[in-house]
PDB file of N, CA and C in Angstrom:
ATOM      1  N   UNK A   1       0.840  -1.184   0.000  1.00  0.00           N
ATOM      2  CA  UNK A   1       0.000   0.000   0.000  1.00  0.00           C
ATOM      3  C   UNK A   1       0.887   1.251   0.000  1.00  0.00           C
ATOM      4  N   UNK A   2       0.392   2.363  -0.548  1.00  0.00           N
ATOM      5  CA  UNK A   2       1.200   3.583  -0.636  1.00  0.00           C
ATOM      6  C   UNK A   2       1.444   4.198   0.744  1.00  0.00           C
ATOM      7  N   UNK A   3       2.525   4.974   0.877  1.00  0.00           N
ATOM      8  CA  UNK A   3       2.781   5.613   2.171  1.00  0.00           C
ATOM      9  C   UNK A   3       1.668   6.588   2.535  1.00  0.00           C
ATOM     10  N   UNK A   4       1.372   6.690   3.820  1.00  0.00           N
ATOM     11  CA  UNK A   4       0.327   7.592   4.284  1.00  0.00           C
ATOM     12  C   UNK A   4       0.858   8.986   4.567  1.00  0.00           C
ATOM     13  N   UNK A   5       2.156   9.121   4.598  1.00  0.00           N
ATOM     14  CA  UNK A   5       2.760  10.438   4.776  1.00  0.00           C
ATOM     15  C   UNK A   5       4.142  10.425   4.142  1.00  0.00           C
ATOM     16  N   UNK A   6       4.670  11.585   3.929  1.00  0.00           N
ATOM     17  CA  UNK A   6       6.033  11.697   3.425  1.00  0.00           C
ATOM     18  C   UNK A   6       6.623  12.987   3.965  1.00  0.00           C
ATOM     19  N   UNK A   7       7.913  13.091   3.900  1.00  0.00           N
ATOM     20  CA  UNK A   7       8.565  14.311   4.338  1.00  0.00           C
ATOM     21  C   UNK A   7       9.761  14.579   3.441  1.00  0.00           C
ATOM     22  N   UNK A   8      10.177  15.823   3.443  1.00  0.00           N
ATOM     23  CA  UNK A   8      11.326  16.215   2.638  1.00  0.00           C
ATOM     24  C   UNK A   8      12.027  17.372   3.324  1.00  0.00           C
ATOM     25  N   UNK A   9      13.203  17.678   2.864  1.00  0.00           N
ATOM     26  CA  UNK A   9      13.956  18.816   3.371  1.00  0.00           C
ATOM     27  C   UNK A   9      14.123  19.825   2.249  1.00  0.00           C
ATOM     28  N   UNK A  10      13.777  21.059   2.515  1.00  0.00           N
ATOM     29  CA  UNK A  10      14.006  22.157   1.578  1.00  0.00           C
ATOM     30  C   UNK A  10      15.010  23.079   2.246  1.00  0.00           C
ATOM     31  N   UNK A  11      16.108  23.353   1.569  1.00  0.00           N
ATOM     32  CA  UNK A  11      17.160  24.187   2.141  1.00  0.00           C
ATOM     33  C   UNK A  11      17.159  25.553   1.481  1.00  0.00           C
ATOM     34  N   UNK A  12      17.091  26.596   2.287  1.00  0.00           N
ATOM     35  CA  UNK A  12      17.221  27.971   1.817  1.00  0.00           C
ATOM     36  C   UNK A  12      18.579  28.471   2.288  1.00  0.00           C
ATOM     37  N   UNK A  13      19.369  28.991   1.376  1.00  0.00           N
ATOM     38  CA  UNK A  13      20.666  29.546   1.734  1.00  0.00           C
ATOM     39  C   UNK A  13      20.593  31.054   1.593  1.00  0.00           C
ATOM     40  N   UNK A  14      20.819  31.764   2.675  1.00  0.00           N
ATOM     41  CA  UNK A  14      20.801  33.225   2.674  1.00  0.00           C
ATOM     42  C   UNK A  14      22.239  33.689   2.488  1.00  0.00           C
ATOM     43  N   UNK A  15      22.512  34.372   1.379  1.00  0.00           N
ATOM     44  CA  UNK A  15      23.871  34.780   1.039  1.00  0.00           C
ATOM     45  C   UNK A  15      23.978  36.295   1.115  1.00  0.00           C
ATOM     46  N   UNK A  16      24.855  36.835   1.977  1.00  0.00           N
ATOM     47  CA  UNK A  16      25.042  38.279   2.026  1.00  0.00           C
ATOM     48  C   UNK A  16      25.815  38.753   0.801  1.00  0.00           C
ATOM     49  N   UNK A  17      25.396  39.874   0.238  1.00  0.00           N
ATOM     50  CA  UNK A  17      26.054  40.418  -0.947  1.00  0.00           C
ATOM     51  C   UNK A  17      26.773  41.734  -0.670  1.00  0.00           C
ATOM     52  N   UNK A  18      26.688  42.227   0.539  1.00  0.00           N
ATOM     53  CA  UNK A  18      27.401  43.453   0.886  1.00  0.00           C
ATOM     54  C   UNK A  18      27.796  43.389   2.352  1.00  0.00           C
ATOM     55  N   UNK A  19      28.089  44.520   2.974  1.00  0.00           N
ATOM     56  CA  UNK A  19      28.660  44.498   4.323  1.00  0.00           C
ATOM     57  C   UNK A  19      27.717  44.019   5.419  1.00  0.00           C
ATOM     58  N   UNK A  20      26.412  44.120   5.227  1.00  0.00           N
ATOM     59  CA  UNK A  20      25.465  43.703   6.258  1.00  0.00           C
ATOM     60  C   UNK A  20      24.904  42.323   5.947  1.00  0.00           C
ATOM     61  N   UNK A  21      24.964  41.439   6.924  1.00  0.00           N
ATOM     62  CA  UNK A  21      24.398  40.113   6.739  1.00  0.00           C
ATOM     63  C   UNK A  21      22.888  40.167   6.934  1.00  0.00           C
ATOM     64  N   UNK A  22      22.126  39.457   6.102  1.00  0.00           N
ATOM     65  CA  UNK A  22      20.680  39.377   6.324  1.00  0.00           C
ATOM     66  C   UNK A  22      20.379  38.679   7.652  1.00  0.00           C
ATOM     67  N   UNK A  23      19.373  39.156   8.336  1.00  0.00           N
ATOM     68  CA  UNK A  23      18.935  38.566   9.596  1.00  0.00           C
ATOM     69  C   UNK A  23      17.534  38.017   9.363  1.00  0.00           C
ATOM     70  N   UNK A  24      17.356  36.728   9.623  1.00  0.00           N
ATOM     71  CA  UNK A  24      16.064  36.083   9.379  1.00  0.00           C
ATOM     72  C   UNK A  24      15.467  35.605  10.696  1.00  0.00           C
ATOM     73  N   UNK A  25      14.153  35.452  10.702  1.00  0.00           N
ATOM     74  CA  UNK A  25      13.421  35.113  11.927  1.00  0.00           C
ATOM     75  C   UNK A  25      13.280  33.609  12.165  1.00  0.00           C
ATOM     76  N   UNK A  26      14.342  32.860  11.954  1.00  0.00           N
ATOM     77  CA  UNK A  26      14.280  31.412  12.128  1.00  0.00           C
ATOM     78  C   UNK A  26      15.131  31.033  13.336  1.00  0.00           C
ATOM     79  N   UNK A  27      14.517  30.423  14.336  1.00  0.00           N
ATOM     80  CA  UNK A  27      15.259  29.964  15.511  1.00  0.00           C
ATOM     81  C   UNK A  27      16.120  28.764  15.152  1.00  0.00           C
ATOM     82  N   UNK A  28      17.343  28.786  15.594  1.00  0.00           N
ATOM     83  CA  UNK A  28      18.282  27.669  15.402  1.00  0.00           C
ATOM     84  C   UNK A  28      18.474  27.284  13.940  1.00  0.00           C
ATOM     85  N   UNK A  29      18.106  28.155  13.034  1.00  0.00           N
ATOM     86  CA  UNK A  29      18.260  27.930  11.595  1.00  0.00           C
ATOM     87  C   UNK A  29      17.493  26.711  11.087  1.00  0.00           C
ATOM     88  N   UNK A  30      16.533  26.216  11.857  1.00  0.00           N
ATOM     89  CA  UNK A  30      15.708  25.088  11.436  1.00  0.00           C
ATOM     90  C   UNK A  30      14.241  25.419  11.640  1.00  0.00           C
ATOM     91  N   UNK A  31      13.426  24.911  10.742  1.00  0.00           N
ATOM     92  CA  UNK A  31      11.995  25.146  10.802  1.00  0.00           C
ATOM     93  C   UNK A  31      11.308  23.879  10.319  1.00  0.00           C
ATOM     94  N   UNK A  32      10.371  23.370  11.072  1.00  0.00           N
ATOM     95  CA  UNK A  32       9.647  22.171  10.690  1.00  0.00           C
ATOM     96  C   UNK A  32       8.188  22.543  10.459  1.00  0.00           C
ATOM     97  N   UNK A  33       7.664  22.175   9.297  1.00  0.00           N
ATOM     98  CA  UNK A  33       6.294  22.525   8.920  1.00  0.00           C
ATOM     99  C   UNK A  33       5.555  21.293   8.439  1.00  0.00           C
ATOM    100  N   UNK A  34       4.246  21.353   8.467  1.00  0.00           N
ATOM    101  CA  UNK A  34       3.441  20.288   7.877  1.00  0.00           C
ATOM    102  C   UNK A  34       2.221  20.915   7.220  1.00  0.00           C
ATOM    103  N   UNK A  35       1.648  20.172   6.286  1.00  0.00           N
ATOM    104  CA  UNK A  35       0.463  20.639   5.576  1.00  0.00           C
ATOM    105  C   UNK A  35      -0.404  19.428   5.251  1.00  0.00           C
ATOM    106  N   UNK A  36      -1.712  19.597   5.331  1.00  0.00           N
ATOM    107  CA  UNK A  36      -2.631  18.508   5.014  1.00  0.00           C
ATOM    108  C   UNK A  36      -2.626  18.269   3.510  1.00  0.00           C
ATOM    109  N   UNK A  37      -2.749  17.010   3.121  1.00  0.00           N
ATOM    110  CA  UNK A  37      -2.671  16.671   1.708  1.00  0.00           C
ATOM    111  C   UNK A  37      -3.829  17.235   0.888  1.00  0.00           C
ATOM    112  N   UNK A  38      -4.949  17.543   1.516  1.00  0.00           N
ATOM    113  CA  UNK A  38      -6.086  18.072   0.767  1.00  0.00           C
ATOM    114  C   UNK A  38      -6.150  19.600   0.827  1.00  0.00           C
ATOM    115  N   UNK A  39      -5.041  20.251   1.180  1.00  0.00           N
ATOM    116  CA  UNK A  39      -5.002  21.717   1.213  1.00  0.00           C
ATOM    117  C   UNK A  39      -5.109  22.271  -0.198  1.00  0.00           C
ATOM    118  N   UNK A  40      -5.707  23.441  -0.309  1.00  0.00           N
ATOM    119  CA  UNK A  40      -5.864  24.075  -1.616  1.00  0.00           C
ATOM    120  C   UNK A  40      -4.519  24.525  -2.163  1.00  0.00           C
ATOM    121  N   UNK A  41      -4.396  24.487  -3.499  1.00  0.00           N
ATOM    122  CA  UNK A  41      -3.187  24.994  -4.139  1.00  0.00           C
ATOM    123  C   UNK A  41      -3.028  26.465  -3.766  1.00  0.00           C
ATOM    124  N   UNK A  42      -1.824  26.854  -3.421  1.00  0.00           N
ATOM    125  CA  UNK A  42      -1.562  28.230  -3.036  1.00  0.00           C
ATOM    126  C   UNK A  42      -1.645  28.475  -1.541  1.00  0.00           C
ATOM    127  N   UNK A  43      -1.935  27.422  -0.762  1.00  0.00           N
ATOM    128  CA  UNK A  43      -1.996  27.566   0.686  1.00  0.00           C
ATOM    129  C   UNK A  43      -0.627  27.980   1.227  1.00  0.00           C
ATOM    130  N   UNK A  44      -0.594  29.030   2.024  1.00  0.00           N
ATOM    131  CA  UNK A  44       0.653  29.485   2.640  1.00  0.00           C
ATOM    132  C   UNK A  44       0.857  28.686   3.915  1.00  0.00           C
ATOM    133  N   UNK A  45       2.007  28.028   4.024  1.00  0.00           N
ATOM    134  CA  UNK A  45       2.269  27.243   5.228  1.00  0.00           C
ATOM    135  C   UNK A  45       3.263  27.930   6.159  1.00  0.00           C
ATOM    136  N   UNK A  46       3.972  28.927   5.674  1.00  0.00           N
ATOM    137  CA  UNK A  46       4.903  29.652   6.535  1.00  0.00           C
ATOM    138  C   UNK A  46       5.440  30.867   5.798  1.00  0.00           C
ATOM    139  N   UNK A  47       5.980  31.789   6.554  1.00  0.00           N
ATOM    140  CA  UNK A  47       6.730  32.904   5.973  1.00  0.00           C
ATOM    141  C   UNK A  47       8.062  32.988   6.707  1.00  0.00           C
ATOM    142  N   UNK A  48       9.067  33.423   6.004  1.00  0.00           N
ATOM    143  CA  UNK A  48      10.374  33.674   6.592  1.00  0.00           C
ATOM    144  C   UNK A  48      10.672  35.142   6.345  1.00  0.00           C
ATOM    145  N   UNK A  49      10.827  35.905   7.411  1.00  0.00           N
ATOM    146  CA  UNK A  49      11.100  37.330   7.286  1.00  0.00           C
ATOM    147  C   UNK A  49      12.591  37.573   7.452  1.00  0.00           C
ATOM    148  N   UNK A  50      13.170  38.348   6.532  1.00  0.00           N
ATOM    149  CA  UNK A  50      14.586  38.692   6.597  1.00  0.00           C
ATOM    150  C   UNK A  50      14.740  40.194   6.407  1.00  0.00           C
ATOM    151  N   UNK A  51      15.766  40.747   7.020  1.00  0.00           N
ATOM    152  CA  UNK A  51      16.090  42.154   6.813  1.00  0.00           C
ATOM    153  C   UNK A  51      17.589  42.337   6.999  1.00  0.00           C
ATOM    154  N   UNK A  52      18.100  43.454   6.528  1.00  0.00           N
ATOM    155  CA  UNK A  52      19.477  43.811   6.841  1.00  0.00           C
ATOM    156  C   UNK A  52      19.512  45.284   7.222  1.00  0.00           C
ATOM    157  N   UNK A  53      20.661  45.755   7.638  1.00  0.00           N
ATOM    158  CA  UNK A  53      20.755  47.099   8.195  1.00  0.00           C
ATOM    159  C   UNK A  53      21.132  48.181   7.188  1.00  0.00           C
ATOM    160  N   UNK A  54      21.132  47.869   5.905  1.00  0.00           N
ATOM    161  CA  UNK A  54      21.407  48.905   4.903  1.00  0.00           C
ATOM    162  C   UNK A  54      20.314  49.958   4.942  1.00  0.00           C
ATOM    163  N   UNK A  55      20.689  51.199   4.801  1.00  0.00           N
ATOM    164  CA  UNK A  55      19.723  52.291   4.877  1.00  0.00           C
ATOM    165  C   UNK A  55      19.335  52.851   3.510  1.00  0.00           C
ATOM    166  N   UNK A  56      20.236  52.755   2.520  1.00  0.00           N
ATOM    167  CA  UNK A  56      19.884  53.347   1.227  1.00  0.00           C
ATOM    168  C   UNK A  56      18.994  52.404   0.421  1.00  0.00           C
ATOM    169  N   UNK A  57      18.221  52.975  -0.478  1.00  0.00           N
ATOM    170  CA  UNK A  57      17.186  52.255  -1.234  1.00  0.00           C
ATOM    171  C   UNK A  57      17.731  51.049  -1.993  1.00  0.00           C
ATOM    172  N   UNK A  58      18.844  51.213  -2.710  1.00  0.00           N
ATOM    173  CA  UNK A  58      19.357  50.133  -3.550  1.00  0.00           C
ATOM    174  C   UNK A  58      19.867  48.963  -2.712  1.00  0.00           C
ATOM    175  N   UNK A  59      20.643  49.236  -1.682  1.00  0.00           N
ATOM    176  CA  UNK A  59      21.284  48.163  -0.917  1.00  0.00           C
ATOM    177  C   UNK A  59      20.350  47.408   0.005  1.00  0.00           C
ATOM    178  N   UNK A  60      19.229  47.965   0.395  1.00  0.00           N
ATOM    179  CA  UNK A  60      18.361  47.231   1.317  1.00  0.00           C
ATOM    180  C   UNK A  60      17.397  46.293   0.594  1.00  0.00           C
ATOM    181  N   UNK A  61      17.429  46.295  -0.729  1.00  0.00           N
ATOM    182  CA  UNK A  61      16.576  45.380  -1.477  1.00  0.00           C
ATOM    183  C   UNK A  61      17.137  43.968  -1.385  1.00  0.00           C
ATOM    184  N   UNK A  62      16.250  42.998  -1.320  1.00  0.00           N
ATOM    185  CA  UNK A  62      16.657  41.599  -1.277  1.00  0.00           C
ATOM    186  C   UNK A  62      16.055  40.892  -2.479  1.00  0.00           C
ATOM    187  N   UNK A  63      16.799  39.956  -3.027  1.00  0.00           N
ATOM    188  CA  UNK A  63      16.326  39.166  -4.157  1.00  0.00           C
ATOM    189  C   UNK A  63      16.326  37.697  -3.768  1.00  0.00           C
ATOM    190  N   UNK A  64      15.438  36.948  -4.385  1.00  0.00           N
ATOM    191  CA  UNK A  64      15.352  35.517  -4.128  1.00  0.00           C
ATOM    192  C   UNK A  64      15.472  34.795  -5.459  1.00  0.00           C
ATOM    193  N   UNK A  65      16.312  33.786  -5.497  1.00  0.00           N
ATOM    194  CA  UNK A  65      16.487  32.981  -6.699  1.00  0.00           C
ATOM    195  C   UNK A  65      16.169  31.539  -6.345  1.00  0.00           C
ATOM    196  N   UNK A  66      15.344  30.918  -7.147  1.00  0.00           N
ATOM    197  CA  UNK A  66      14.976  29.524  -6.916  1.00  0.00           C
ATOM    198  C   UNK A  66      15.753  28.669  -7.905  1.00  0.00           C
ATOM    199  N   UNK A  67      16.396  27.652  -7.416  1.00  0.00           N
ATOM    200  CA  UNK A  67      17.125  26.733  -8.289  1.00  0.00           C
ATOM    201  C   UNK A  67      16.489  25.357  -8.142  1.00  0.00           C
ATOM    202  N   UNK A  68      16.188  24.729  -9.261  1.00  0.00           N
ATOM    203  CA  UNK A  68      15.542  23.417  -9.237  1.00  0.00           C
ATOM    204  C   UNK A  68      16.562  22.341  -9.561  1.00  0.00           C
ATOM    205  N   UNK A  69      16.516  21.248  -8.838  1.00  0.00           N
ATOM    206  CA  UNK A  69      17.369  20.108  -9.116  1.00  0.00           C
ATOM    207  C   UNK A  69      16.505  18.980  -9.652  1.00  0.00           C
ATOM    208  N   UNK A  70      17.060  18.181 -10.538  1.00  0.00           N
ATOM    209  CA  UNK A  70      16.280  17.045 -11.049  1.00  0.00           C
ATOM    210  C   UNK A  70      16.085  16.004  -9.957  1.00  0.00           C
ATOM    211  N   UNK A  71      15.123  15.138 -10.183  1.00  0.00           N
ATOM    212  CA  UNK A  71      14.920  14.047  -9.232  1.00  0.00           C
ATOM    213  C   UNK A  71      16.185  13.199  -9.189  1.00  0.00           C
ATOM    214  N   UNK A  72      16.536  12.715  -8.023  1.00  0.00           N
ATOM    215  CA  UNK A  72      17.752  11.941  -7.846  1.00  0.00           C
ATOM    216  C   UNK A  72      17.473  10.756  -6.939  1.00  0.00           C
ATOM    217  N   UNK A  73      18.354   9.776  -7.015  1.00  0.00           N
ATOM    218  CA  UNK A  73      18.311   8.676  -6.063  1.00  0.00           C
ATOM    219  C   UNK A  73      19.522   8.842  -5.160  1.00  0.00           C
ATOM    220  N   UNK A  74      19.269   8.928  -3.862  1.00  0.00           N
ATOM    221  CA  UNK A  74      20.332   9.148  -2.891  1.00  0.00           C
ATOM    222  C   UNK A  74      20.114   8.200  -1.718  1.00  0.00           C
ATOM    223  N   UNK A  75      21.120   7.400  -1.406  1.00  0.00           N
ATOM    224  CA  UNK A  75      20.999   6.426  -0.313  1.00  0.00           C
ATOM    225  C   UNK A  75      19.760   5.547  -0.488  1.00  0.00           C
ATOM    226  N   UNK A  76      19.541   5.121  -1.711  1.00  0.00           N
ATOM    227  CA  UNK A  76      18.417   4.254  -2.065  1.00  0.00           C
ATOM    228  C   UNK A  76      17.053   4.897  -1.851  1.00  0.00           C
ATOM    229  N   UNK A  77      17.001   6.206  -1.692  1.00  0.00           N
ATOM    230  CA  UNK A  77      15.731   6.919  -1.581  1.00  0.00           C
ATOM    231  C   UNK A  77      15.614   7.859  -2.775  1.00  0.00           C
ATOM    232  N   UNK A  78      14.434   7.966  -3.325  1.00  0.00           N
ATOM    233  CA  UNK A  78      14.211   8.876  -4.444  1.00  0.00           C
ATOM    234  C   UNK A  78      13.915  10.256  -3.892  1.00  0.00           C
ATOM    235  N   UNK A  79      14.622  11.247  -4.395  1.00  0.00           N
ATOM    236  CA  UNK A  79      14.381  12.624  -3.984  1.00  0.00           C
ATOM    237  C   UNK A  79      13.546  13.299  -5.070  1.00  0.00           C
ATOM    238  N   UNK A  80      12.438  13.876  -4.686  1.00  0.00           N
ATOM    239  CA  UNK A  80      11.534  14.514  -5.626  1.00  0.00           C
ATOM    240  C   UNK A  80      11.639  16.027  -5.534  1.00  0.00           C
ATOM    241  N   UNK A  81      11.435  16.669  -6.652  1.00  0.00           N
ATOM    242  CA  UNK A  81      11.270  18.116  -6.638  1.00  0.00           C
ATOM    243  C   UNK A  81       9.890  18.419  -6.088  1.00  0.00           C
ATOM    244  N   UNK A  82       9.814  19.340  -5.166  1.00  0.00           N
ATOM    245  CA  UNK A  82       8.528  19.740  -4.612  1.00  0.00           C
ATOM    246  C   UNK A  82       8.264  21.158  -5.070  1.00  0.00           C
ATOM    247  N   UNK A  83       7.213  21.391  -5.832  1.00  0.00           N
ATOM    248  CA  UNK A  83       6.956  22.746  -6.325  1.00  0.00           C
ATOM    249  C   UNK A  83       6.530  23.676  -5.200  1.00  0.00           C
ATOM    250  N   UNK A  84       7.136  24.846  -5.166  1.00  0.00           N
ATOM    251  CA  UNK A  84       6.740  25.868  -4.214  1.00  0.00           C
ATOM    252  C   UNK A  84       7.022  27.220  -4.832  1.00  0.00           C
ATOM    253  N   UNK A  85       6.451  28.226  -4.256  1.00  0.00           N
ATOM    254  CA  UNK A  85       6.593  29.575  -4.790  1.00  0.00           C
ATOM    255  C   UNK A  85       7.186  30.465  -3.718  1.00  0.00           C
ATOM    256  N   UNK A  86       8.111  31.307  -4.119  1.00  0.00           N
ATOM    257  CA  UNK A  86       8.685  32.284  -3.204  1.00  0.00           C
ATOM    258  C   UNK A  86       8.242  33.657  -3.674  1.00  0.00           C
ATOM    259  N   UNK A  87       7.626  34.409  -2.777  1.00  0.00           N
ATOM    260  CA  UNK A  87       7.151  35.755  -3.094  1.00  0.00           C
ATOM    261  C   UNK A  87       7.912  36.730  -2.217  1.00  0.00           C
ATOM    262  N   UNK A  88       8.477  37.757  -2.825  1.00  0.00           N
ATOM    263  CA  UNK A  88       9.166  38.775  -2.035  1.00  0.00           C
ATOM    264  C   UNK A  88       8.325  40.036  -2.020  1.00  0.00           C
ATOM    265  N   UNK A  89       8.418  40.749  -0.934  1.00  0.00           N
ATOM    266  CA  UNK A  89       7.681  41.998  -0.801  1.00  0.00           C
ATOM    267  C   UNK A  89       8.649  43.066  -0.345  1.00  0.00           C
ATOM    268  N   UNK A  90       8.698  44.157  -1.097  1.00  0.00           N
ATOM    269  CA  UNK A  90       9.594  45.255  -0.767  1.00  0.00           C
ATOM    270  C   UNK A  90       9.024  46.030   0.413  1.00  0.00           C
ATOM    271  N   UNK A  91       9.895  46.327   1.359  1.00  0.00           N
ATOM    272  CA  UNK A  91       9.495  47.082   2.533  1.00  0.00           C
ATOM    273  C   UNK A  91       9.868  48.545   2.349  1.00  0.00           C
ATOM    274  N   UNK A  92       9.116  49.436   2.969  1.00  0.00           N
ATOM    275  CA  UNK A  92       9.425  50.862   2.897  1.00  0.00           C
ATOM    276  C   UNK A  92      10.414  51.293   3.971  1.00  0.00           C
ATOM    277  N   UNK A  93      10.798  50.371   4.829  1.00  0.00           N
ATOM    278  CA  UNK A  93      11.768  50.697   5.873  1.00  0.00           C
ATOM    279  C   UNK A  93      13.001  49.827   5.690  1.00  0.00           C
ATOM    280  N   UNK A  94      13.919  49.915   6.609  1.00  0.00           N
ATOM    281  CA  UNK A  94      15.125  49.099   6.502  1.00  0.00           C
ATOM    282  C   UNK A  94      14.890  47.665   6.956  1.00  0.00           C
ATOM    283  N   UNK A  95      13.697  47.344   7.381  1.00  0.00           N
ATOM    284  CA  UNK A  95      13.400  45.969   7.790  1.00  0.00           C
ATOM    285  C   UNK A  95      12.886  45.170   6.622  1.00  0.00           C
TER     286      UNK A  95
END
């Protein structure tokens, strides 16, 4: 019979591009989430807020790049791509 649940790991790497490191609201750099299988497409399961201390308009902007890897077999387990969307919102302050 098919598995009744599954889990995966999604890794986000925050890379500083100038003198101020981004600060994100994740305790211990780990976050565990779950979602019901019958949830509607587009359901938000979490947000990660990041900011840095740059004050000028250009430097305080943050960009997000999504990189997709093909399905792989690792340690006899199949790793699947899990579709997700990352939405960024520009803030009017330095946060």
